[in-house]
Amino acid sequence: MDGGDALMELFAETWQYLLDPDSWTGAGGFVARLLEQLLLTATALVAAMLLGLPLALWLGHIGRGGFLAVNVSNVGRAVPTFALLALLVAADWPGSADFGPYGRAGLATLIALVLFALPPLITNGYVAMREVSPDVLEAADGMGMSSAQRFWRVELPLALPVVASGVRLALVQVWATATIAALVAGPGLGRIITEGFARNDYAQGMAGAVVVAVVALVLEVAAAALQRAVDPMPRGPSPDRDEALSVRSATVTEAPTGG
């Protein structure tokens, strides 16, 4: 059998594995592993947003700490997530103990994923606040808005699309990276992939990788739709962004400033 025939046979076996109902049921099936990885991804992303976004938005609002925010994020990107996970699992804490519904090494995996999700959230959050047009900020100040009012009514709504872009990037990255939990016998779809290749069942390994890729695509599309939904400004090819900001500024300045 030549290489082309072997590849076609592997594709056929992978497709057959995906269509087999037994592949989707049971404690080790696709449905159970998919839910485990979704839980890991959602928890890590929410935790990273709670930790990183308030700091990034505040620093962007006051216009300070940009060097620290961006460069700390760059350092975070340079650290391999699996290396960090291996260190956390080998340490006395958190180690590889079971962690509720997250399974073996669940806490170590969550910590590694949270740290992995922070860089795009912090960078985009800070940059989003700094990209708000000075003309808009001047208009808000001219209407007598307090710093808090300017933040909530002007800066944050205009920054949301870039913030959402960071969340979108972090979501897809965390989802894909969560498969490494299987390397320490943790939960998620990575278990299906590693178990398949360990038993020389390449169809199972390939099927697991296909499911990971398809769900990543679905998450990307959903996050892109959410990013467009929170954008307060038109994005057509003809309007200039500054003109859109001016329109937004006029709308804001007409709003009451009390409360």
C-alpha atoms as a PDB file:
ATOM      1  CA  MET A   1       0.000   0.000   0.000  1.00  0.00           C
ATOM      2  CA  ASP A   2       1.507   3.316  -1.048  1.00  0.00           C
ATOM      3  CA  GLY A   3       1.408   6.500   0.975  1.00  0.00           C
ATOM      4  CA  GLY A   4      -1.636   7.925  -0.807  1.00  0.00           C
ATOM      5  CA  ASP A   5      -3.712   4.799  -0.251  1.00  0.00           C
ATOM      6  CA  ALA A   6      -2.685   4.663   3.411  1.00  0.00           C
ATOM      7  CA  LEU A   7      -3.706   8.284   3.880  1.00  0.00           C
ATOM      8  CA  MET A   8      -7.084   7.725   2.249  1.00  0.00           C
ATOM      9  CA  GLU A   9      -7.622   4.664   4.410  1.00  0.00           C
ATOM     10  CA  LEU A  10      -6.793   6.713   7.517  1.00  0.00           C
ATOM     11  CA  PHE A  11      -9.302   9.383   6.485  1.00  0.00           C
ATOM     12  CA  ALA A  12     -11.955   6.714   5.910  1.00  0.00           C
ATOM     13  CA  GLU A  13     -11.288   5.125   9.298  1.00  0.00           C
ATOM     14  CA  THR A  14     -11.372   8.529  10.985  1.00  0.00           C
ATOM     15  CA  TRP A  15     -14.719   9.316   9.399  1.00  0.00           C
ATOM     16  CA  GLN A  16     -16.034   5.910  10.426  1.00  0.00           C
ATOM     17  CA  TYR A  17     -14.871   6.522  13.998  1.00  0.00           C
ATOM     18  CA  LEU A  18     -16.662   9.867  14.071  1.00  0.00           C
ATOM     19  CA  LEU A  19     -19.888   8.289  12.791  1.00  0.00           C
ATOM     20  CA  ASP A  20     -19.803   5.430  15.303  1.00  0.00           C
ATOM     21  CA  PRO A  21     -22.368   6.186  18.091  1.00  0.00           C
ATOM     22  CA  ASP A  22     -20.170   4.351  20.598  1.00  0.00           C
ATOM     23  CA  SER A  23     -17.466   6.997  20.068  1.00  0.00           C
ATOM     24  CA  TRP A  24     -19.758   9.656  21.509  1.00  0.00           C
ATOM     25  CA  THR A  25     -21.155   7.865  24.560  1.00  0.00           C
ATOM     26  CA  GLY A  26     -19.745   6.718  27.872  1.00  0.00           C
ATOM     27  CA  ALA A  27     -17.345   8.329  30.331  1.00  0.00           C
ATOM     28  CA  GLY A  28     -14.557   8.435  27.757  1.00  0.00           C
ATOM     29  CA  GLY A  29     -16.669   9.370  24.735  1.00  0.00           C
ATOM     30  CA  PHE A  30     -16.666  12.577  22.766  1.00  0.00           C
ATOM     31  CA  VAL A  31     -19.639  14.124  24.559  1.00  0.00           C
ATOM     32  CA  ALA A  32     -18.164  13.651  28.042  1.00  0.00           C
ATOM     33  CA  ARG A  33     -14.699  14.813  26.993  1.00  0.00           C
ATOM     34  CA  LEU A  34     -16.160  17.766  25.092  1.00  0.00           C
ATOM     35  CA  LEU A  35     -18.053  18.936  28.172  1.00  0.00           C
ATOM     36  CA  GLU A  36     -14.904  18.569  30.274  1.00  0.00           C
ATOM     37  CA  GLN A  37     -12.906  20.738  27.901  1.00  0.00           C
ATOM     38  CA  LEU A  38     -15.659  23.330  27.592  1.00  0.00           C
ATOM     39  CA  LEU A  39     -15.771  23.558  31.392  1.00  0.00           C
ATOM     40  CA  LEU A  40     -11.996  23.990  31.550  1.00  0.00           C
ATOM     41  CA  THR A  41     -12.037  26.627  28.815  1.00  0.00           C
ATOM     42  CA  ALA A  42     -14.950  28.634  30.217  1.00  0.00           C
ATOM     43  CA  THR A  43     -13.596  28.621  33.760  1.00  0.00           C
ATOM     44  CA  ALA A  44     -10.092  29.638  32.711  1.00  0.00           C
ATOM     45  CA  LEU A  45     -11.368  32.398  30.416  1.00  0.00           C
ATOM     46  CA  VAL A  46     -13.739  33.875  33.011  1.00  0.00           C
ATOM     47  CA  ALA A  47     -11.043  33.794  35.682  1.00  0.00           C
ATOM     48  CA  ALA A  48      -8.551  35.477  33.352  1.00  0.00           C
ATOM     49  CA  MET A  49     -11.091  38.164  32.441  1.00  0.00           C
ATOM     50  CA  LEU A  50     -11.821  38.874  36.105  1.00  0.00           C
ATOM     51  CA  LEU A  51      -8.114  39.118  36.865  1.00  0.00           C
ATOM     52  CA  GLY A  52      -6.786  40.911  33.794  1.00  0.00           C
ATOM     53  CA  LEU A  53      -9.471  43.138  32.305  1.00  0.00           C
ATOM     54  CA  PRO A  54     -10.148  45.422  35.298  1.00  0.00           C
ATOM     55  CA  LEU A  55      -6.422  46.138  35.640  1.00  0.00           C
ATOM     56  CA  ALA A  56      -5.921  46.693  31.907  1.00  0.00           C
ATOM     57  CA  LEU A  57      -8.966  48.957  31.568  1.00  0.00           C
ATOM     58  CA  TRP A  58      -8.004  50.986  34.618  1.00  0.00           C
ATOM     59  CA  LEU A  59      -4.424  51.465  33.401  1.00  0.00           C
ATOM     60  CA  GLY A  60      -5.731  52.476  29.992  1.00  0.00           C
ATOM     61  CA  HIS A  61      -8.179  54.889  31.569  1.00  0.00           C
ATOM     62  CA  ILE A  62      -5.528  56.712  33.599  1.00  0.00           C
ATOM     63  CA  GLY A  63      -2.988  56.473  30.763  1.00  0.00           C
ATOM     64  CA  ARG A  64      -0.272  54.887  32.846  1.00  0.00           C
ATOM     65  CA  GLY A  65       1.424  51.518  33.144  1.00  0.00           C
ATOM     66  CA  GLY A  66       1.318  50.757  29.441  1.00  0.00           C
ATOM     67  CA  PHE A  67       4.918  49.596  29.339  1.00  0.00           C
ATOM     68  CA  LEU A  68       4.280  47.268  32.267  1.00  0.00           C
ATOM     69  CA  ALA A  69       1.003  45.909  30.889  1.00  0.00           C
ATOM     70  CA  VAL A  70       2.281  45.178  27.393  1.00  0.00           C
ATOM     71  CA  ASN A  71       5.678  43.809  28.393  1.00  0.00           C
ATOM     72  CA  VAL A  72       4.369  41.587  31.164  1.00  0.00           C
ATOM     73  CA  SER A  73       1.964  40.198  28.594  1.00  0.00           C
ATOM     74  CA  ASN A  74       4.833  39.577  26.187  1.00  0.00           C
ATOM     75  CA  VAL A  75       6.699  37.669  28.885  1.00  0.00           C
ATOM     76  CA  GLY A  76       3.581  35.586  29.442  1.00  0.00           C
ATOM     77  CA  ARG A  77       3.475  34.707  25.755  1.00  0.00           C
ATOM     78  CA  ALA A  78       7.098  33.557  25.849  1.00  0.00           C
ATOM     79  CA  VAL A  79       6.516  30.930  28.557  1.00  0.00           C
ATOM     80  CA  PRO A  80       5.473  27.545  27.065  1.00  0.00           C
ATOM     81  CA  THR A  81       2.165  26.535  28.593  1.00  0.00           C
ATOM     82  CA  PHE A  82       3.081  22.861  28.785  1.00  0.00           C
ATOM     83  CA  ALA A  83       6.324  23.675  30.596  1.00  0.00           C
ATOM     84  CA  LEU A  84       4.357  25.719  33.116  1.00  0.00           C
ATOM     85  CA  LEU A  85       1.813  22.917  33.492  1.00  0.00           C
ATOM     86  CA  ALA A  86       4.567  20.371  34.065  1.00  0.00           C
ATOM     87  CA  LEU A  87       6.083  22.548  36.803  1.00  0.00           C
ATOM     88  CA  LEU A  88       2.717  23.017  38.504  1.00  0.00           C
ATOM     89  CA  VAL A  89       1.961  19.305  38.424  1.00  0.00           C
ATOM     90  CA  ALA A  90       5.411  18.393  39.778  1.00  0.00           C
ATOM     91  CA  ALA A  91       5.145  20.892  42.648  1.00  0.00           C
ATOM     92  CA  ASP A  92       3.647  20.014  46.014  1.00  0.00           C
ATOM     93  CA  TRP A  93       0.876  22.504  45.228  1.00  0.00           C
ATOM     94  CA  PRO A  94      -1.269  22.404  43.198  1.00  0.00           C
ATOM     95  CA  GLY A  95       0.164  19.060  42.096  1.00  0.00           C
ATOM     96  CA  SER A  96      -1.799  16.428  40.206  1.00  0.00           C
ATOM     97  CA  ALA A  97      -4.607  15.742  42.678  1.00  0.00           C
ATOM     98  CA  ASP A  98      -8.219  15.632  41.532  1.00  0.00           C
ATOM     99  CA  PHE A  99      -9.981  18.987  41.562  1.00  0.00           C
ATOM    100  CA  GLY A 100     -13.728  18.478  41.575  1.00  0.00           C
ATOM    101  CA  PRO A 101     -15.297  18.243  38.100  1.00  0.00           C
ATOM    102  CA  TYR A 102     -12.001  19.264  36.499  1.00  0.00           C
ATOM    103  CA  GLY A 103     -10.451  15.893  37.243  1.00  0.00           C
ATOM    104  CA  ARG A 104      -6.837  14.952  37.773  1.00  0.00           C
ATOM    105  CA  ALA A 105      -4.449  17.928  37.781  1.00  0.00           C
ATOM    106  CA  GLY A 106      -7.484  20.117  37.220  1.00  0.00           C
ATOM    107  CA  LEU A 107      -6.273  23.022  39.360  1.00  0.00           C
ATOM    108  CA  ALA A 108      -2.804  22.973  37.777  1.00  0.00           C
ATOM    109  CA  THR A 109      -4.379  22.962  34.325  1.00  0.00           C
ATOM    110  CA  LEU A 110      -6.672  25.855  35.185  1.00  0.00           C
ATOM    111  CA  ILE A 111      -3.791  27.957  36.537  1.00  0.00           C
ATOM    112  CA  ALA A 112      -1.723  27.310  33.407  1.00  0.00           C
ATOM    113  CA  LEU A 113      -4.643  28.184  31.123  1.00  0.00           C
ATOM    114  CA  VAL A 114      -5.502  31.362  33.051  1.00  0.00           C
ATOM    115  CA  LEU A 115      -1.920  32.588  32.776  1.00  0.00           C
ATOM    116  CA  PHE A 116      -1.981  31.723  29.074  1.00  0.00           C
ATOM    117  CA  ALA A 117      -5.194  33.715  28.551  1.00  0.00           C
ATOM    118  CA  LEU A 118      -4.016  36.874  30.330  1.00  0.00           C
ATOM    119  CA  PRO A 119      -1.647  38.351  27.670  1.00  0.00           C
ATOM    120  CA  PRO A 120      -4.213  38.996  24.908  1.00  0.00           C
ATOM    121  CA  LEU A 121      -6.780  40.212  27.428  1.00  0.00           C
ATOM    122  CA  ILE A 122      -4.419  42.671  29.124  1.00  0.00           C
ATOM    123  CA  THR A 123      -2.848  43.949  25.909  1.00  0.00           C
ATOM    124  CA  ASN A 124      -6.142  44.452  24.074  1.00  0.00           C
ATOM    125  CA  GLY A 125      -7.842  45.941  27.120  1.00  0.00           C
ATOM    126  CA  TYR A 126      -5.140  48.556  27.595  1.00  0.00           C
ATOM    127  CA  VAL A 127      -4.798  49.375  23.893  1.00  0.00           C
ATOM    128  CA  ALA A 128      -8.580  49.623  23.500  1.00  0.00           C
ATOM    129  CA  MET A 129      -8.795  52.351  26.132  1.00  0.00           C
ATOM    130  CA  ARG A 130      -5.854  54.289  24.724  1.00  0.00           C
ATOM    131  CA  GLU A 131      -7.300  54.202  21.190  1.00  0.00           C
ATOM    132  CA  VAL A 132     -10.399  56.191  22.138  1.00  0.00           C
ATOM    133  CA  SER A 133     -10.217  59.467  20.230  1.00  0.00           C
ATOM    134  CA  PRO A 134      -8.973  62.475  22.255  1.00  0.00           C
ATOM    135  CA  ASP A 135     -11.731  64.538  20.631  1.00  0.00           C
ATOM    136  CA  VAL A 136     -14.331  62.249  22.184  1.00  0.00           C
ATOM    137  CA  LEU A 137     -12.681  62.507  25.601  1.00  0.00           C
ATOM    138  CA  GLU A 138     -12.486  66.283  25.296  1.00  0.00           C
ATOM    139  CA  ALA A 139     -16.170  66.449  24.438  1.00  0.00           C
ATOM    140  CA  ALA A 140     -17.010  64.330  27.492  1.00  0.00           C
ATOM    141  CA  ASP A 141     -14.904  66.581  29.720  1.00  0.00           C
ATOM    142  CA  GLY A 142     -16.560  69.621  28.205  1.00  0.00           C
ATOM    143  CA  MET A 143     -19.943  68.298  29.278  1.00  0.00           C
ATOM    144  CA  GLY A 144     -18.699  68.102  32.847  1.00  0.00           C
ATOM    145  CA  MET A 145     -18.541  64.339  33.099  1.00  0.00           C
ATOM    146  CA  SER A 146     -16.662  62.909  36.043  1.00  0.00           C
ATOM    147  CA  SER A 147     -13.842  60.436  35.488  1.00  0.00           C
ATOM    148  CA  ALA A 148     -16.135  57.530  36.337  1.00  0.00           C
ATOM    149  CA  GLN A 149     -18.902  58.793  34.050  1.00  0.00           C
ATOM    150  CA  ARG A 150     -16.455  59.243  31.194  1.00  0.00           C
ATOM    151  CA  PHE A 151     -15.174  55.716  31.709  1.00  0.00           C
ATOM    152  CA  TRP A 152     -18.573  53.996  31.761  1.00  0.00           C
ATOM    153  CA  ARG A 153     -20.410  56.147  29.215  1.00  0.00           C
ATOM    154  CA  VAL A 154     -17.715  56.963  26.693  1.00  0.00           C
ATOM    155  CA  GLU A 155     -14.461  55.047  26.944  1.00  0.00           C
ATOM    156  CA  LEU A 156     -15.721  51.555  27.728  1.00  0.00           C
ATOM    157  CA  PRO A 157     -18.440  51.440  25.027  1.00  0.00           C
ATOM    158  CA  LEU A 158     -15.958  52.611  22.391  1.00  0.00           C
ATOM    159  CA  ALA A 159     -13.271  50.222  23.649  1.00  0.00           C
ATOM    160  CA  LEU A 160     -15.529  47.166  23.700  1.00  0.00           C
ATOM    161  CA  PRO A 161     -14.794  45.960  20.126  1.00  0.00           C
ATOM    162  CA  VAL A 162     -11.039  45.783  20.779  1.00  0.00           C
ATOM    163  CA  VAL A 163     -11.632  44.271  24.227  1.00  0.00           C
ATOM    164  CA  ALA A 164     -13.907  41.690  22.618  1.00  0.00           C
ATOM    165  CA  SER A 165     -11.164  40.966  20.095  1.00  0.00           C
ATOM    166  CA  GLY A 166      -8.848  40.062  22.954  1.00  0.00           C
ATOM    167  CA  VAL A 167     -11.509  37.855  24.524  1.00  0.00           C
ATOM    168  CA  ARG A 168     -12.059  36.173  21.163  1.00  0.00           C
ATOM    169  CA  LEU A 169      -8.354  35.485  20.752  1.00  0.00           C
ATOM    170  CA  ALA A 170      -8.015  34.198  24.315  1.00  0.00           C
ATOM    171  CA  LEU A 171     -11.064  31.954  23.939  1.00  0.00           C
ATOM    172  CA  VAL A 172      -9.800  30.129  20.867  1.00  0.00           C
ATOM    173  CA  GLN A 173      -6.265  29.874  22.228  1.00  0.00           C
ATOM    174  CA  VAL A 174      -7.415  28.486  25.570  1.00  0.00           C
ATOM    175  CA  TRP A 175      -9.745  26.004  23.896  1.00  0.00           C
ATOM    176  CA  ALA A 176      -6.981  24.635  21.688  1.00  0.00           C
ATOM    177  CA  THR A 177      -4.389  24.646  24.474  1.00  0.00           C
ATOM    178  CA  ALA A 178      -6.702  22.865  26.934  1.00  0.00           C
ATOM    179  CA  THR A 179      -5.932  19.626  25.097  1.00  0.00           C
ATOM    180  CA  ILE A 180      -2.529  19.551  26.812  1.00  0.00           C
ATOM    181  CA  ALA A 181      -4.271  18.547  30.049  1.00  0.00           C
ATOM    182  CA  ALA A 182      -4.251  15.027  28.642  1.00  0.00           C
ATOM    183  CA  LEU A 183      -0.452  14.960  28.847  1.00  0.00           C
ATOM    184  CA  VAL A 184      -0.802  14.820  32.642  1.00  0.00           C
ATOM    185  CA  ALA A 185      -3.840  12.509  32.440  1.00  0.00           C
ATOM    186  CA  GLY A 186      -6.160  15.464  32.846  1.00  0.00           C
ATOM    187  CA  PRO A 187      -9.652  15.937  31.359  1.00  0.00           C
ATOM    188  CA  GLY A 188     -10.742  17.025  27.910  1.00  0.00           C
ATOM    189  CA  LEU A 189     -10.634  15.919  24.306  1.00  0.00           C
ATOM    190  CA  GLY A 190      -6.871  15.575  24.493  1.00  0.00           C
ATOM    191  CA  ARG A 191      -7.438  12.294  26.308  1.00  0.00           C
ATOM    192  CA  ILE A 192      -9.056  10.839  23.208  1.00  0.00           C
ATOM    193  CA  ILE A 193      -6.156  12.002  21.049  1.00  0.00           C
ATOM    194  CA  THR A 194      -3.376  10.753  23.329  1.00  0.00           C
ATOM    195  CA  GLU A 195      -5.083   7.439  24.055  1.00  0.00           C
ATOM    196  CA  GLY A 196      -5.607   6.837  20.366  1.00  0.00           C
ATOM    197  CA  PHE A 197      -1.987   7.423  19.404  1.00  0.00           C
ATOM    198  CA  ALA A 198      -0.745   5.490  22.455  1.00  0.00           C
ATOM    199  CA  ARG A 199      -2.670   2.424  21.219  1.00  0.00           C
ATOM    200  CA  ASN A 200      -1.629   3.032  17.609  1.00  0.00           C
ATOM    201  CA  ASP A 201      -5.286   3.748  16.853  1.00  0.00           C
ATOM    202  CA  TYR A 202      -4.556   6.668  14.577  1.00  0.00           C
ATOM    203  CA  ALA A 203      -8.185   6.984  13.493  1.00  0.00           C
ATOM    204  CA  GLN A 204      -9.183   7.744  17.097  1.00  0.00           C
ATOM    205  CA  GLY A 205      -6.378  10.272  17.472  1.00  0.00           C
ATOM    206  CA  MET A 206      -7.280  11.972  14.220  1.00  0.00           C
ATOM    207  CA  ALA A 207     -10.974  12.000  15.112  1.00  0.00           C
ATOM    208  CA  GLY A 208     -10.214  13.744  18.395  1.00  0.00           C
ATOM    209  CA  ALA A 209      -8.126  16.352  16.588  1.00  0.00           C
ATOM    210  CA  VAL A 210     -10.942  16.931  14.084  1.00  0.00           C
ATOM    211  CA  VAL A 211     -13.460  17.551  16.874  1.00  0.00           C
ATOM    212  CA  VAL A 212     -11.078  19.997  18.584  1.00  0.00           C
ATOM    213  CA  ALA A 213     -10.596  21.882  15.296  1.00  0.00           C
ATOM    214  CA  VAL A 214     -14.315  22.004  14.461  1.00  0.00           C
ATOM    215  CA  VAL A 215     -15.284  23.295  17.910  1.00  0.00           C
ATOM    216  CA  ALA A 216     -12.487  25.890  17.698  1.00  0.00           C
ATOM    217  CA  LEU A 217     -13.981  27.100  14.410  1.00  0.00           C
ATOM    218  CA  VAL A 218     -17.464  27.299  15.951  1.00  0.00           C
ATOM    219  CA  LEU A 219     -16.133  29.269  18.915  1.00  0.00           C
ATOM    220  CA  GLU A 220     -14.263  31.619  16.579  1.00  0.00           C
ATOM    221  CA  VAL A 221     -17.398  32.322  14.524  1.00  0.00           C
ATOM    222  CA  ALA A 222     -19.524  32.866  17.648  1.00  0.00           C
ATOM    223  CA  ALA A 223     -16.929  35.183  19.197  1.00  0.00           C
ATOM    224  CA  ALA A 224     -16.632  37.157  15.948  1.00  0.00           C
ATOM    225  CA  ALA A 225     -20.404  37.638  15.886  1.00  0.00           C
ATOM    226  CA  LEU A 226     -20.331  38.838  19.496  1.00  0.00           C
ATOM    227  CA  GLN A 227     -17.506  41.244  18.684  1.00  0.00           C
ATOM    228  CA  ARG A 228     -19.562  42.779  15.883  1.00  0.00           C
ATOM    229  CA  ALA A 229     -22.608  42.972  18.145  1.00  0.00           C
ATOM    230  CA  VAL A 230     -20.836  45.081  20.777  1.00  0.00           C
ATOM    231  CA  ASP A 231     -19.318  47.486  18.249  1.00  0.00           C
ATOM    232  CA  PRO A 232     -21.095  50.847  18.677  1.00  0.00           C
ATOM    233  CA  MET A 233     -19.748  52.301  15.445  1.00  0.00           C
ATOM    234  CA  PRO A 234     -20.408  51.598  11.749  1.00  0.00           C
ATOM    235  CA  ARG A 235     -17.815  49.444   9.993  1.00  0.00           C
ATOM    236  CA  GLY A 236     -18.629  50.011   6.341  1.00  0.00           C
ATOM    237  CA  PRO A 237     -15.820  50.662   3.849  1.00  0.00           C
ATOM    238  CA  SER A 238     -16.743  54.305   3.247  1.00  0.00           C
ATOM    239  CA  PRO A 239     -17.251  56.008   6.636  1.00  0.00           C
ATOM    240  CA  ASP A 240     -14.096  57.225   8.296  1.00  0.00           C
ATOM    241  CA  ARG A 241     -13.506  56.021  11.865  1.00  0.00           C
ATOM    242  CA  ASP A 242     -12.965  59.558  13.141  1.00  0.00           C
ATOM    243  CA  GLU A 243     -16.308  60.611  11.691  1.00  0.00           C
ATOM    244  CA  ALA A 244     -17.958  57.677  13.428  1.00  0.00           C
ATOM    245  CA  LEU A 245     -16.300  58.685  16.682  1.00  0.00           C
ATOM    246  CA  SER A 246     -17.607  62.218  16.251  1.00  0.00           C
ATOM    247  CA  VAL A 247     -21.135  60.885  15.761  1.00  0.00           C
ATOM    248  CA  ARG A 248     -20.732  58.770  18.870  1.00  0.00           C
ATOM    249  CA  SER A 249     -19.395  61.800  20.745  1.00  0.00           C
ATOM    250  CA  ALA A 250     -22.438  63.889  19.797  1.00  0.00           C
ATOM    251  CA  THR A 251     -24.724  61.116  21.003  1.00  0.00           C
ATOM    252  CA  VAL A 252     -22.899  60.879  24.303  1.00  0.00           C
ATOM    253  CA  THR A 253     -22.858  64.613  24.958  1.00  0.00           C
ATOM    254  CA  GLU A 254     -26.601  64.776  24.480  1.00  0.00           C
ATOM    255  CA  ALA A 255     -27.122  62.215  27.234  1.00  0.00           C
ATOM    256  CA  PRO A 256     -27.823  63.465  30.781  1.00  0.00           C
ATOM    257  CA  THR A 257     -24.748  63.520  32.990  1.00  0.00           C
ATOM    258  CA  GLY A 258     -26.431  62.932  36.301  1.00  0.00           C
ATOM    259  CA  GLY A 259     -26.153  59.615  38.223  1.00  0.00           C
END
